[in-house]
Protein backbone atom coordinates (compact mmCIF):
# COMPACT_ATOMS: atom_id res chain seq x y z
CA UNK A 1 89.91 80.46 94.58
CA UNK A 2 92.48 79.77 97.30
CA UNK A 3 93.78 82.57 99.52
CA UNK A 4 96.69 80.63 101.03
CA UNK A 5 97.59 79.32 104.47
CA UNK A 6 100.23 81.63 105.95
CA UNK A 7 102.39 84.68 105.44
CA UNK A 8 105.43 83.85 103.33
CA UNK A 9 108.85 85.48 103.08
CA UNK A 10 109.75 84.09 99.66
CA UNK A 11 107.86 83.32 96.47
CA UNK A 12 109.14 79.76 96.83
CA UNK A 13 106.59 79.40 99.63
CA UNK A 14 103.81 79.68 97.05
CA UNK A 15 105.28 76.92 94.89
CA UNK A 16 105.76 74.75 97.98
CA UNK A 17 102.09 75.15 98.87
CA UNK A 18 101.13 74.18 95.33
CA UNK A 19 103.00 70.90 95.64
CA UNK A 20 101.76 70.21 99.16
CA UNK A 21 98.06 70.80 98.59
CA UNK A 22 97.39 70.20 94.90
CA UNK A 23 98.28 66.90 93.17
CA UNK A 24 99.18 66.96 89.48
CA UNK A 25 96.14 66.61 87.25
CA UNK A 26 97.89 65.61 84.03
CA UNK A 27 100.61 62.91 83.76
CA UNK A 28 102.69 64.88 81.27
CA UNK A 29 106.47 65.10 81.63
CA UNK A 30 109.26 66.62 79.60
CA UNK A 31 112.61 65.03 78.69
CA UNK A 32 114.47 68.19 79.67
CA UNK A 33 116.88 67.91 82.60
CA UNK A 34 116.69 71.39 84.21
CA UNK A 35 120.02 71.08 86.03
CA UNK A 36 121.78 69.92 82.88
CA UNK A 37 120.36 72.85 80.92
CA UNK A 38 121.34 75.27 83.66
CA UNK A 39 124.88 73.93 83.92
CA UNK A 40 125.19 74.25 80.15
CA UNK A 41 124.44 77.96 80.36
CA UNK A 42 120.85 77.63 79.17
CA UNK A 43 117.50 78.50 80.73
CA UNK A 44 115.34 75.55 81.80
CA UNK A 45 111.69 75.72 80.77
CA UNK A 46 110.48 73.86 83.90
CA UNK A 47 107.51 72.68 81.87
CA UNK A 48 106.14 70.36 84.58
CA UNK A 49 106.14 73.17 87.12
CA UNK A 50 104.49 75.56 84.65
CA UNK A 51 101.82 73.01 83.71
CA UNK A 52 101.02 72.13 87.32
CA UNK A 53 100.95 75.77 88.37
CA UNK A 54 98.51 76.55 85.57
CA UNK A 55 95.94 74.13 86.96
CA UNK A 56 95.78 75.90 90.35
CA UNK A 57 93.55 78.92 90.80
CA UNK A 58 94.80 80.87 93.77
CA UNK A 59 94.54 84.50 94.83
CA UNK A 60 98.31 85.03 94.59
CA UNK A 61 99.59 82.82 91.80
CA UNK A 62 103.35 82.68 91.20
CA UNK A 63 104.29 82.45 87.53
CA UNK A 64 107.61 81.26 86.10
CA UNK A 65 108.15 81.83 82.39
CA UNK A 66 110.92 82.22 79.82
CA UNK A 67 110.83 85.00 77.25
CA UNK A 68 113.44 84.98 74.49
CA UNK A 69 115.76 82.92 76.67
CA UNK A 70 115.38 85.16 79.72
CA UNK A 71 113.64 83.68 82.78
CA UNK A 72 111.32 85.80 84.87
CA UNK A 73 109.16 85.33 87.92
CA UNK A 74 106.01 87.26 88.75
CA UNK A 75 102.92 87.11 90.91
CA UNK A 76 99.63 87.44 89.09
CA UNK A 77 97.51 90.32 90.33
CA UNK A 78 93.85 89.38 90.76
CA UNK A 79 92.71 92.22 93.00
CA UNK A 80 91.78 94.92 90.47
CA UNK A 81 88.03 95.10 89.95
CA UNK A 82 86.95 95.55 86.34
CA UNK A 83 85.07 98.75 85.59
CA UNK A 84 82.32 99.37 85.15
CA UNK A 85 84.03 102.24 83.28
CA UNK A 86 87.58 102.82 82.14
CA UNK A 87 87.99 105.70 84.60
CA UNK A 88 86.75 103.49 87.46
CA UNK A 89 89.32 100.86 86.52
CA UNK A 90 92.07 103.49 86.39
CA UNK A 91 91.02 104.69 89.85
CA UNK A 92 91.19 101.11 91.16
CA UNK A 93 94.69 100.73 89.74
CA UNK A 94 95.92 104.04 91.17
CA UNK A 95 94.56 103.14 94.61
CA UNK A 96 96.10 99.67 94.53
CA UNK A 97 99.56 100.55 93.22
CA UNK A 98 99.84 103.62 95.43
CA UNK A 99 98.87 101.63 98.50
CA UNK A 100 101.20 98.75 97.67
CA UNK A 101 104.14 101.17 97.34
CA UNK A 102 103.32 102.81 100.67
CA UNK A 103 102.90 99.50 102.50
CA UNK A 104 106.03 98.00 100.96
CA UNK A 105 108.11 100.97 102.11
CA UNK A 106 106.60 101.29 105.59
CA UNK A 107 108.99 100.81 108.50
CA UNK A 108 106.94 97.96 109.94
CA UNK A 109 105.51 95.44 107.45
CA UNK A 110 101.77 94.89 107.60
CA UNK A 111 102.23 91.14 107.99
CA UNK A 112 104.11 91.73 111.25
CA UNK A 113 101.09 93.58 112.69
CA UNK A 114 98.27 91.28 111.66
CA UNK A 115 97.82 87.52 111.75
CA UNK A 116 97.27 85.68 108.50
CA UNK A 117 93.93 84.37 109.77
CA UNK A 118 92.77 87.97 110.29
CA UNK A 119 93.77 88.86 106.73
CA UNK A 120 91.96 85.79 105.40
CA UNK A 121 88.85 86.67 107.37
CA UNK A 122 88.98 90.21 105.94
CA UNK A 123 89.18 88.71 102.46
CA UNK A 124 86.06 86.58 102.89
CA UNK A 125 84.04 89.25 104.68
CA UNK A 126 84.85 91.82 101.99
CA UNK A 127 83.93 89.35 99.24
CA UNK A 128 80.58 88.61 100.89
CA UNK A 129 79.57 92.06 102.14
CA UNK A 130 81.32 94.38 99.69
CA UNK A 131 81.38 98.07 100.49
CA UNK A 132 79.33 97.49 103.67
CA UNK A 133 81.94 95.16 105.18
CA UNK A 134 83.45 95.59 108.64
CA UNK A 135 87.04 94.36 108.75
CA UNK A 136 90.01 94.31 111.11
CA UNK A 137 92.96 96.68 110.68
CA UNK A 138 96.06 96.96 112.90
CA UNK A 139 95.90 99.87 115.33
CA UNK A 140 92.24 100.44 114.53
CA UNK A 141 90.41 97.21 115.30
CA UNK A 142 87.07 96.50 113.63
CA UNK A 143 86.22 99.27 111.22
CA UNK A 144 83.98 99.80 108.21
CA UNK A 145 85.73 99.49 104.85
CA UNK A 146 84.67 102.97 103.82
CA UNK A 147 86.00 104.60 107.00
CA UNK A 148 89.27 102.69 106.75
CA UNK A 149 89.75 103.78 103.14
CA UNK A 150 88.91 107.42 103.85
CA UNK A 151 90.97 107.82 107.02
CA UNK A 152 93.94 105.50 106.48
CA UNK A 153 94.31 103.96 103.05
CA UNK A 154 93.69 106.93 100.76
CA UNK A 155 96.39 109.08 102.43
CA UNK A 156 98.80 106.14 102.18
CA UNK A 157 97.91 105.60 98.51
CA UNK A 158 98.58 109.30 97.76
CA UNK A 159 101.97 108.96 99.38
CA UNK A 160 102.70 105.85 97.33
CA UNK A 161 101.68 107.48 94.06
CA UNK A 162 103.93 110.42 94.85
CA UNK A 163 106.79 107.96 95.31
CA UNK A 164 105.98 106.51 91.88
CA UNK A 165 106.24 110.01 90.40
CA UNK A 166 102.53 110.46 89.70
CA UNK A 167 101.48 114.12 89.52
CA UNK A 168 99.27 115.55 92.24
CA UNK A 169 96.64 116.42 89.65
CA UNK A 170 96.40 112.83 88.41
CA UNK A 171 96.51 111.40 91.90
CA UNK A 172 93.72 113.68 93.13
CA UNK A 173 91.58 112.93 90.08
CA UNK A 174 91.80 109.15 90.38
CA UNK A 175 91.80 108.79 94.15
CA UNK A 176 88.96 111.28 94.31
CA UNK A 177 86.81 108.65 92.60
CA UNK A 178 87.63 106.14 95.35
CA UNK A 179 86.81 108.79 97.93
CA UNK A 180 83.43 109.51 96.38
CA UNK A 181 82.56 105.82 96.27
CA UNK A 182 83.12 105.66 100.00
CA UNK A 183 81.13 108.85 100.69
CA UNK A 184 78.18 107.77 98.54
CA UNK A 185 78.39 104.08 99.41
CA UNK A 186 78.06 103.21 95.75
CA UNK A 187 80.27 101.04 93.56
CA UNK A 188 79.38 98.96 90.52
CA UNK A 189 77.93 96.08 92.54
CA UNK A 190 75.83 98.37 94.75
CA UNK A 191 74.49 100.19 91.72
CA UNK A 192 73.43 96.92 90.07
CA UNK A 193 71.72 95.60 93.21
CA UNK A 194 69.97 98.94 93.69
CA UNK A 195 68.63 99.00 90.13
CA UNK A 196 67.46 95.40 90.34
CA UNK A 197 65.66 96.28 93.57
CA UNK A 198 63.68 98.95 91.76
CA UNK A 199 62.51 96.27 89.32
CA UNK A 200 61.64 93.57 91.84
CA UNK A 201 58.04 93.50 90.64
CA UNK A 202 59.13 92.70 87.07
CA UNK A 203 59.96 89.37 85.48
CA UNK A 204 63.52 88.57 86.52
CA UNK A 205 64.74 88.08 82.94
CA UNK A 206 63.26 91.42 81.86
CA UNK A 207 64.69 93.15 84.95
CA UNK A 208 68.18 91.77 84.31
CA UNK A 209 68.02 92.74 80.65
CA UNK A 210 66.90 96.30 81.37
CA UNK A 211 69.49 96.75 84.11
CA UNK A 212 72.26 95.43 81.90
CA UNK A 213 71.29 97.86 79.14
CA UNK A 214 71.49 100.72 81.65
CA UNK A 215 74.84 99.37 82.82
CA UNK A 216 76.19 99.37 79.26
CA UNK A 217 74.99 102.93 78.73
CA UNK A 218 76.78 104.05 81.89
CA UNK A 219 79.91 102.16 80.91
CA UNK A 220 80.15 103.93 77.57
CA UNK A 221 79.62 107.33 79.22
CA UNK A 222 82.87 106.79 81.17
CA UNK A 223 81.25 108.65 84.07
CA UNK A 224 82.39 107.15 87.42
CA UNK A 225 79.76 104.77 88.73
CA UNK A 226 79.22 106.69 91.97
CA UNK A 227 77.66 109.48 89.87
CA UNK A 228 75.28 107.34 87.82
CA UNK A 229 71.54 108.03 88.10
């Protein structure tokens, strides 16, 4: 998984990095001349670009595709954690999309306040330490993830969801789950580690099996993970 090397101002920067750092794995080419197709009023498939791009696993992956003759460009979103319940996943999505809207519409872009190396360091620290991580945030300095979410990010996410037209009732319900995770210090990963710790005297295979069965039971309850026994 590659995070990138710098802030970019255009999606072309992502494709340029792909070419610079990742050689083609498969010697497959297409007879299509993209410029000729374009000049003829058609939409080039750019098959070599698509193939090469598909072999690179990066945190922000640009995707070019053609659907029914119409080209489109998107960035794959890899940040949404899965579950462990549907309601937890919905809460993750509400938090993310609300926060993205708020940050995108802020008067001063986040990338102008924080170096890329600081963002990359945050990424790795959060991946390694999870909900206990201490990260850097502009205007705050080093701060625990939970405090940052409670004091700064949740209010911004609420504002963003309001801009999207989400009702206050829905926003409070979903973001309230994020809030409770921070207050209890429990997410899906913490719950699993905690349960395995209670079974440390058991055979590891048996402990994993029993914990997974509990996990499945909680998943089907659709009760947010911070409230699981």
